[in-house]
């Protein structure tokens, strides 16, 4: 999966926006204003930081060398995923979905209802 496919997939999810809140090279994807994915556009190979359940993070890192503790993030809750490595596209999409779902689960009841009502 390349950066354009990653971007398209993230933006296809309900309530997602993209922005550059930190600098002009760090692309952030948010659901209802909460970050779920972060990409350093200058980093080669292409990688992204995705939120992950802490227990699952440890397991993923143990079995997949493409998954490392989150670069410049809370390493308990974030992983850096090498998208140019050997992970299958369906696995990469599942990791994006997991990050999105974790953030959505932490939204307030009111915000979840707003997300649900988006077209």
N, C-alpha and C. Protein backbone atom coordinates (compact mmCIF):
# COMPACT_ATOMS: atom_id res chain seq x y z
N UNK A 1 0.86 -1.18 0.00
CA UNK A 1 0.00 0.00 0.00
C UNK A 1 0.90 1.23 0.00
N UNK A 2 0.68 2.13 -0.93
CA UNK A 2 1.46 3.36 -0.98
C UNK A 2 0.70 4.49 -0.28
N UNK A 3 1.32 5.66 -0.22
CA UNK A 3 0.75 6.79 0.51
C UNK A 3 -0.61 7.21 -0.05
N UNK A 4 -0.76 7.18 -1.38
CA UNK A 4 -2.03 7.59 -1.98
C UNK A 4 -3.16 6.60 -1.63
N UNK A 5 -2.86 5.30 -1.68
CA UNK A 5 -3.86 4.30 -1.31
C UNK A 5 -4.21 4.42 0.18
N UNK A 6 -3.21 4.68 1.01
CA UNK A 6 -3.42 4.88 2.43
C UNK A 6 -4.33 6.08 2.67
N UNK A 7 -4.02 7.18 2.01
CA UNK A 7 -4.81 8.42 2.15
C UNK A 7 -6.25 8.18 1.71
N UNK A 8 -6.42 7.55 0.56
CA UNK A 8 -7.77 7.28 0.04
C UNK A 8 -8.55 6.40 1.01
N UNK A 9 -7.90 5.38 1.55
CA UNK A 9 -8.57 4.47 2.48
C UNK A 9 -8.99 5.22 3.75
N UNK A 10 -8.09 6.00 4.30
CA UNK A 10 -8.42 6.76 5.52
C UNK A 10 -9.58 7.72 5.29
N UNK A 11 -9.53 8.44 4.16
CA UNK A 11 -10.56 9.44 3.88
C UNK A 11 -11.91 8.81 3.52
N UNK A 12 -11.92 7.53 3.20
CA UNK A 12 -13.18 6.85 2.89
C UNK A 12 -13.98 6.52 4.15
N UNK A 13 -13.36 6.64 5.29
CA UNK A 13 -14.03 6.31 6.54
C UNK A 13 -14.87 7.50 7.01
N UNK A 14 -15.96 7.20 7.63
CA UNK A 14 -16.93 8.21 8.06
C UNK A 14 -16.33 9.19 9.08
N UNK A 15 -16.55 10.49 8.83
CA UNK A 15 -16.16 11.53 9.78
C UNK A 15 -14.68 11.88 9.77
N UNK A 16 -13.93 11.44 8.74
CA UNK A 16 -12.48 11.64 8.71
C UNK A 16 -12.10 12.92 7.97
N UNK A 17 -11.15 13.63 8.55
CA UNK A 17 -10.54 14.80 7.91
C UNK A 17 -9.04 14.62 7.91
N UNK A 18 -8.37 15.38 7.05
CA UNK A 18 -6.91 15.37 7.04
C UNK A 18 -6.42 16.79 7.25
N UNK A 19 -5.28 16.92 7.92
CA UNK A 19 -4.72 18.25 8.17
C UNK A 19 -3.24 18.14 8.49
N UNK A 20 -2.61 19.29 8.58
CA UNK A 20 -1.19 19.40 8.92
C UNK A 20 -1.06 20.27 10.17
N UNK A 21 -1.42 19.74 11.35
CA UNK A 21 -1.43 20.57 12.57
C UNK A 21 -0.04 20.87 13.14
N UNK A 22 0.97 20.06 12.79
CA UNK A 22 2.28 20.20 13.39
C UNK A 22 3.26 20.94 12.49
N UNK A 23 3.31 20.55 11.24
CA UNK A 23 4.20 21.16 10.26
C UNK A 23 3.72 20.76 8.86
N UNK A 24 4.44 21.18 7.83
CA UNK A 24 3.99 20.93 6.46
C UNK A 24 4.34 19.54 5.95
N UNK A 25 5.00 18.70 6.76
CA UNK A 25 5.36 17.36 6.31
C UNK A 25 4.73 16.23 7.14
N UNK A 26 3.94 16.59 8.13
CA UNK A 26 3.30 15.57 8.97
C UNK A 26 1.80 15.62 8.74
N UNK A 27 1.31 14.65 7.98
CA UNK A 27 -0.10 14.56 7.63
C UNK A 27 -0.84 13.76 8.71
N UNK A 28 -1.92 14.35 9.22
CA UNK A 28 -2.68 13.74 10.31
C UNK A 28 -4.12 13.49 9.84
N UNK A 29 -4.60 12.29 10.13
CA UNK A 29 -5.99 11.94 9.85
C UNK A 29 -6.73 11.87 11.18
N UNK A 30 -7.90 12.54 11.22
CA UNK A 30 -8.70 12.59 12.44
C UNK A 30 -10.12 12.13 12.15
N UNK A 31 -10.71 11.49 13.15
CA UNK A 31 -12.13 11.18 13.10
C UNK A 31 -12.80 12.04 14.16
N UNK A 32 -13.71 12.88 13.73
CA UNK A 32 -14.43 13.79 14.62
C UNK A 32 -13.45 14.58 15.49
N UNK A 33 -12.35 15.02 14.88
CA UNK A 33 -11.39 15.86 15.56
C UNK A 33 -10.35 15.14 16.39
N UNK A 34 -10.37 13.81 16.42
CA UNK A 34 -9.41 13.02 17.21
C UNK A 34 -8.50 12.22 16.28
N UNK A 35 -7.22 12.33 16.52
CA UNK A 35 -6.22 11.70 15.66
C UNK A 35 -6.24 10.18 15.74
N UNK A 36 -6.23 9.53 14.55
CA UNK A 36 -6.10 8.07 14.51
C UNK A 36 -4.97 7.61 13.60
N UNK A 37 -4.41 8.51 12.79
CA UNK A 37 -3.29 8.14 11.92
C UNK A 37 -2.43 9.37 11.66
N UNK A 38 -1.14 9.11 11.53
CA UNK A 38 -0.16 10.18 11.38
C UNK A 38 0.92 9.68 10.42
N UNK A 39 1.26 10.51 9.42
CA UNK A 39 2.25 10.11 8.41
C UNK A 39 3.29 11.21 8.26
N UNK A 40 4.55 10.85 8.40
CA UNK A 40 5.64 11.76 8.08
C UNK A 40 5.93 11.65 6.59
N UNK A 41 5.53 12.64 5.82
CA UNK A 41 5.62 12.54 4.36
C UNK A 41 7.05 12.45 3.85
N UNK A 42 8.01 12.88 4.65
CA UNK A 42 9.41 12.82 4.22
C UNK A 42 10.09 11.52 4.60
N UNK A 43 9.42 10.69 5.36
CA UNK A 43 10.04 9.42 5.81
C UNK A 43 10.03 8.39 4.69
N UNK A 44 11.19 7.80 4.46
CA UNK A 44 11.33 6.73 3.47
C UNK A 44 11.97 5.55 4.18
N UNK A 45 11.38 4.35 4.12
CA UNK A 45 10.18 4.01 3.36
C UNK A 45 8.92 4.55 4.03
N UNK A 46 7.80 4.52 3.28
CA UNK A 46 6.52 5.02 3.78
C UNK A 46 6.11 4.25 5.03
N UNK A 47 5.81 4.98 6.07
CA UNK A 47 5.31 4.39 7.31
C UNK A 47 4.27 5.32 7.90
N UNK A 48 3.45 4.77 8.79
CA UNK A 48 2.40 5.56 9.44
C UNK A 48 2.30 5.14 10.90
N UNK A 49 1.94 6.08 11.74
CA UNK A 49 1.66 5.79 13.14
C UNK A 49 0.17 5.55 13.27
N UNK A 50 -0.18 4.42 13.89
CA UNK A 50 -1.58 4.06 14.10
C UNK A 50 -1.78 3.68 15.56
N UNK A 51 -2.91 4.07 16.08
CA UNK A 51 -3.25 3.72 17.46
C UNK A 51 -3.54 2.23 17.54
N UNK A 52 -3.24 1.62 18.70
CA UNK A 52 -3.46 0.19 18.86
C UNK A 52 -3.69 -0.14 20.33
N UNK A 53 -4.51 -1.13 20.57
CA UNK A 53 -4.71 -1.65 21.92
C UNK A 53 -3.36 -2.07 22.47
N UNK A 54 -2.99 -1.68 23.69
CA UNK A 54 -1.66 -1.97 24.23
C UNK A 54 -1.28 -3.46 24.22
N UNK A 55 -2.18 -4.34 24.59
CA UNK A 55 -1.87 -5.77 24.58
C UNK A 55 -1.64 -6.28 23.16
N UNK A 56 -2.46 -5.82 22.26
CA UNK A 56 -2.32 -6.23 20.86
C UNK A 56 -1.02 -5.67 20.27
N UNK A 57 -0.64 -4.46 20.67
CA UNK A 57 0.60 -3.85 20.18
C UNK A 57 1.79 -4.76 20.44
N UNK A 58 1.88 -5.27 21.65
CA UNK A 58 3.01 -6.14 22.01
C UNK A 58 3.04 -7.39 21.15
N UNK A 59 1.89 -7.99 20.95
CA UNK A 59 1.81 -9.20 20.13
C UNK A 59 2.19 -8.92 18.67
N UNK A 60 1.66 -7.83 18.12
CA UNK A 60 1.97 -7.48 16.74
C UNK A 60 3.46 -7.22 16.55
N UNK A 61 4.06 -6.50 17.49
CA UNK A 61 5.50 -6.17 17.39
C UNK A 61 6.36 -7.43 17.48
N UNK A 62 5.89 -8.41 18.25
CA UNK A 62 6.65 -9.64 18.41
C UNK A 62 6.68 -10.46 17.12
N UNK A 63 5.58 -10.46 16.39
CA UNK A 63 5.46 -11.32 15.21
C UNK A 63 5.74 -10.62 13.87
N UNK A 64 5.72 -9.30 13.86
CA UNK A 64 5.87 -8.57 12.59
C UNK A 64 6.96 -7.51 12.72
N UNK A 65 8.11 -7.71 12.08
CA UNK A 65 9.18 -6.72 12.16
C UNK A 65 8.79 -5.37 11.54
N UNK A 66 7.74 -5.35 10.73
CA UNK A 66 7.27 -4.10 10.12
C UNK A 66 6.52 -3.22 11.12
N UNK A 67 6.22 -3.77 12.28
CA UNK A 67 5.47 -3.04 13.31
C UNK A 67 6.39 -2.77 14.49
N UNK A 68 6.61 -1.49 14.76
CA UNK A 68 7.51 -1.04 15.81
C UNK A 68 6.78 -0.09 16.76
N UNK A 69 7.34 0.15 17.95
CA UNK A 69 6.73 1.14 18.84
C UNK A 69 6.61 2.49 18.13
N UNK A 70 5.56 3.22 18.43
CA UNK A 70 5.26 4.48 17.76
C UNK A 70 6.39 5.50 17.82
N UNK A 71 6.82 5.93 16.66
CA UNK A 71 7.89 6.93 16.54
C UNK A 71 7.36 8.28 17.01
N UNK A 72 8.00 8.87 18.01
CA UNK A 72 7.60 10.16 18.60
C UNK A 72 6.18 10.14 19.17
N UNK A 73 5.72 8.96 19.62
CA UNK A 73 4.37 8.83 20.16
C UNK A 73 4.44 8.04 21.46
N UNK A 74 3.32 7.96 22.16
CA UNK A 74 3.23 7.12 23.34
C UNK A 74 3.33 5.66 22.87
N UNK A 75 4.43 5.02 23.18
CA UNK A 75 4.72 3.69 22.65
C UNK A 75 3.78 2.61 23.19
N UNK A 76 3.07 2.90 24.23
CA UNK A 76 2.09 1.94 24.76
C UNK A 76 0.86 1.88 23.86
N UNK A 77 0.48 3.01 23.27
CA UNK A 77 -0.77 3.11 22.53
C UNK A 77 -0.61 3.29 21.02
N UNK A 78 0.62 3.49 20.54
CA UNK A 78 0.83 3.77 19.11
C UNK A 78 1.92 2.87 18.55
N UNK A 79 1.70 2.43 17.31
CA UNK A 79 2.69 1.67 16.56
C UNK A 79 3.08 2.45 15.31
N UNK A 80 4.31 2.28 14.88
CA UNK A 80 4.73 2.76 13.57
C UNK A 80 4.75 1.54 12.66
N UNK A 81 4.01 1.64 11.57
CA UNK A 81 3.86 0.53 10.63
C UNK A 81 4.61 0.85 9.36
N UNK A 82 5.51 -0.04 8.94
CA UNK A 82 6.22 0.10 7.67
C UNK A 82 5.31 -0.45 6.58
N UNK A 83 4.75 0.44 5.76
CA UNK A 83 3.82 0.04 4.71
C UNK A 83 4.54 -0.48 3.48
N UNK A 84 5.84 -0.37 3.44
CA UNK A 84 6.61 -0.88 2.30
C UNK A 84 7.18 -2.26 2.58
N UNK A 85 6.84 -2.81 3.73
CA UNK A 85 7.36 -4.11 4.13
C UNK A 85 6.51 -5.25 3.59
N UNK A 86 6.51 -6.34 4.30
CA UNK A 86 5.86 -7.55 3.83
C UNK A 86 4.44 -7.78 4.31
N UNK A 87 3.83 -6.79 4.97
CA UNK A 87 2.46 -6.98 5.45
C UNK A 87 1.47 -6.91 4.28
N UNK A 88 0.52 -7.82 4.27
CA UNK A 88 -0.50 -7.84 3.22
C UNK A 88 -1.42 -6.62 3.34
N UNK A 89 -1.98 -6.21 2.22
CA UNK A 89 -2.86 -5.05 2.19
C UNK A 89 -4.04 -5.23 3.14
N UNK A 90 -4.61 -6.43 3.20
CA UNK A 90 -5.76 -6.62 4.10
C UNK A 90 -5.35 -6.45 5.56
N UNK A 91 -4.13 -6.83 5.91
CA UNK A 91 -3.62 -6.62 7.28
C UNK A 91 -3.44 -5.13 7.54
N UNK A 92 -2.89 -4.41 6.58
CA UNK A 92 -2.70 -2.96 6.73
C UNK A 92 -4.04 -2.26 6.90
N UNK A 93 -5.03 -2.64 6.10
CA UNK A 93 -6.36 -2.06 6.23
C UNK A 93 -6.97 -2.38 7.60
N UNK A 94 -6.74 -3.60 8.08
CA UNK A 94 -7.26 -3.99 9.39
C UNK A 94 -6.62 -3.16 10.50
N UNK A 95 -5.33 -2.85 10.37
CA UNK A 95 -4.65 -2.01 11.37
C UNK A 95 -5.18 -0.58 11.35
N UNK A 96 -5.48 -0.06 10.16
CA UNK A 96 -6.09 1.27 10.05
C UNK A 96 -7.48 1.24 10.68
N UNK A 97 -8.26 0.21 10.36
CA UNK A 97 -9.61 0.08 10.93
C UNK A 97 -9.56 0.01 12.46
N UNK A 98 -8.61 -0.76 12.98
CA UNK A 98 -8.48 -0.91 14.43
C UNK A 98 -8.19 0.44 15.08
N UNK A 99 -7.29 1.21 14.50
CA UNK A 99 -6.96 2.53 15.02
C UNK A 99 -8.19 3.44 15.00
N UNK A 100 -8.87 3.48 13.88
CA UNK A 100 -10.09 4.28 13.73
C UNK A 100 -11.12 3.86 14.78
N UNK A 101 -11.36 2.55 14.89
CA UNK A 101 -12.37 2.05 15.83
C UNK A 101 -12.02 2.36 17.28
N UNK A 102 -10.74 2.29 17.63
CA UNK A 102 -10.32 2.63 19.00
C UNK A 102 -10.64 4.09 19.31
N UNK A 103 -10.35 4.96 18.37
CA UNK A 103 -10.61 6.38 18.59
C UNK A 103 -12.11 6.63 18.67
N UNK A 104 -12.88 6.03 17.78
CA UNK A 104 -14.34 6.20 17.80
C UNK A 104 -14.91 5.70 19.13
N UNK A 105 -14.39 4.59 19.65
CA UNK A 105 -14.90 4.04 20.92
C UNK A 105 -14.66 5.00 22.08
N UNK A 106 -13.66 5.86 21.96
CA UNK A 106 -13.37 6.81 23.03
C UNK A 106 -14.07 8.15 22.90
N UNK A 107 -14.86 8.33 21.84
CA UNK A 107 -15.60 9.58 21.65
C UNK A 107 -16.73 9.68 22.67
N UNK A 108 -17.15 10.90 22.93
CA UNK A 108 -18.30 11.09 23.81
C UNK A 108 -19.56 10.55 23.15
N UNK A 109 -20.55 10.29 23.94
CA UNK A 109 -21.82 9.79 23.42
C UNK A 109 -22.40 10.75 22.38
N UNK A 110 -22.32 12.04 22.67
CA UNK A 110 -22.85 13.07 21.76
C UNK A 110 -22.09 13.04 20.42
N UNK A 111 -20.76 12.94 20.49
CA UNK A 111 -19.95 12.93 19.27
C UNK A 111 -20.18 11.66 18.48
N UNK A 112 -20.34 10.52 19.17
CA UNK A 112 -20.65 9.26 18.48
C UNK A 112 -21.97 9.38 17.72
N UNK A 113 -22.93 10.05 18.34
CA UNK A 113 -24.23 10.23 17.69
C UNK A 113 -24.09 11.14 16.47
N UNK A 114 -23.28 12.19 16.58
CA UNK A 114 -23.03 13.07 15.42
C UNK A 114 -22.37 12.28 14.29
N UNK A 115 -21.40 11.43 14.63
CA UNK A 115 -20.73 10.60 13.62
C UNK A 115 -21.72 9.66 12.95
N UNK A 116 -22.56 9.05 13.76
CA UNK A 116 -23.56 8.11 13.24
C UNK A 116 -24.48 8.80 12.24
N UNK A 117 -24.79 10.06 12.49
CA UNK A 117 -25.74 10.79 11.64
C UNK A 117 -25.11 11.44 10.41
N UNK A 118 -23.79 11.34 10.26
CA UNK A 118 -23.14 11.87 9.07
C UNK A 118 -23.53 11.04 7.85
N UNK A 119 -23.61 11.70 6.72
CA UNK A 119 -23.93 10.97 5.46
C UNK A 119 -22.68 10.44 4.83
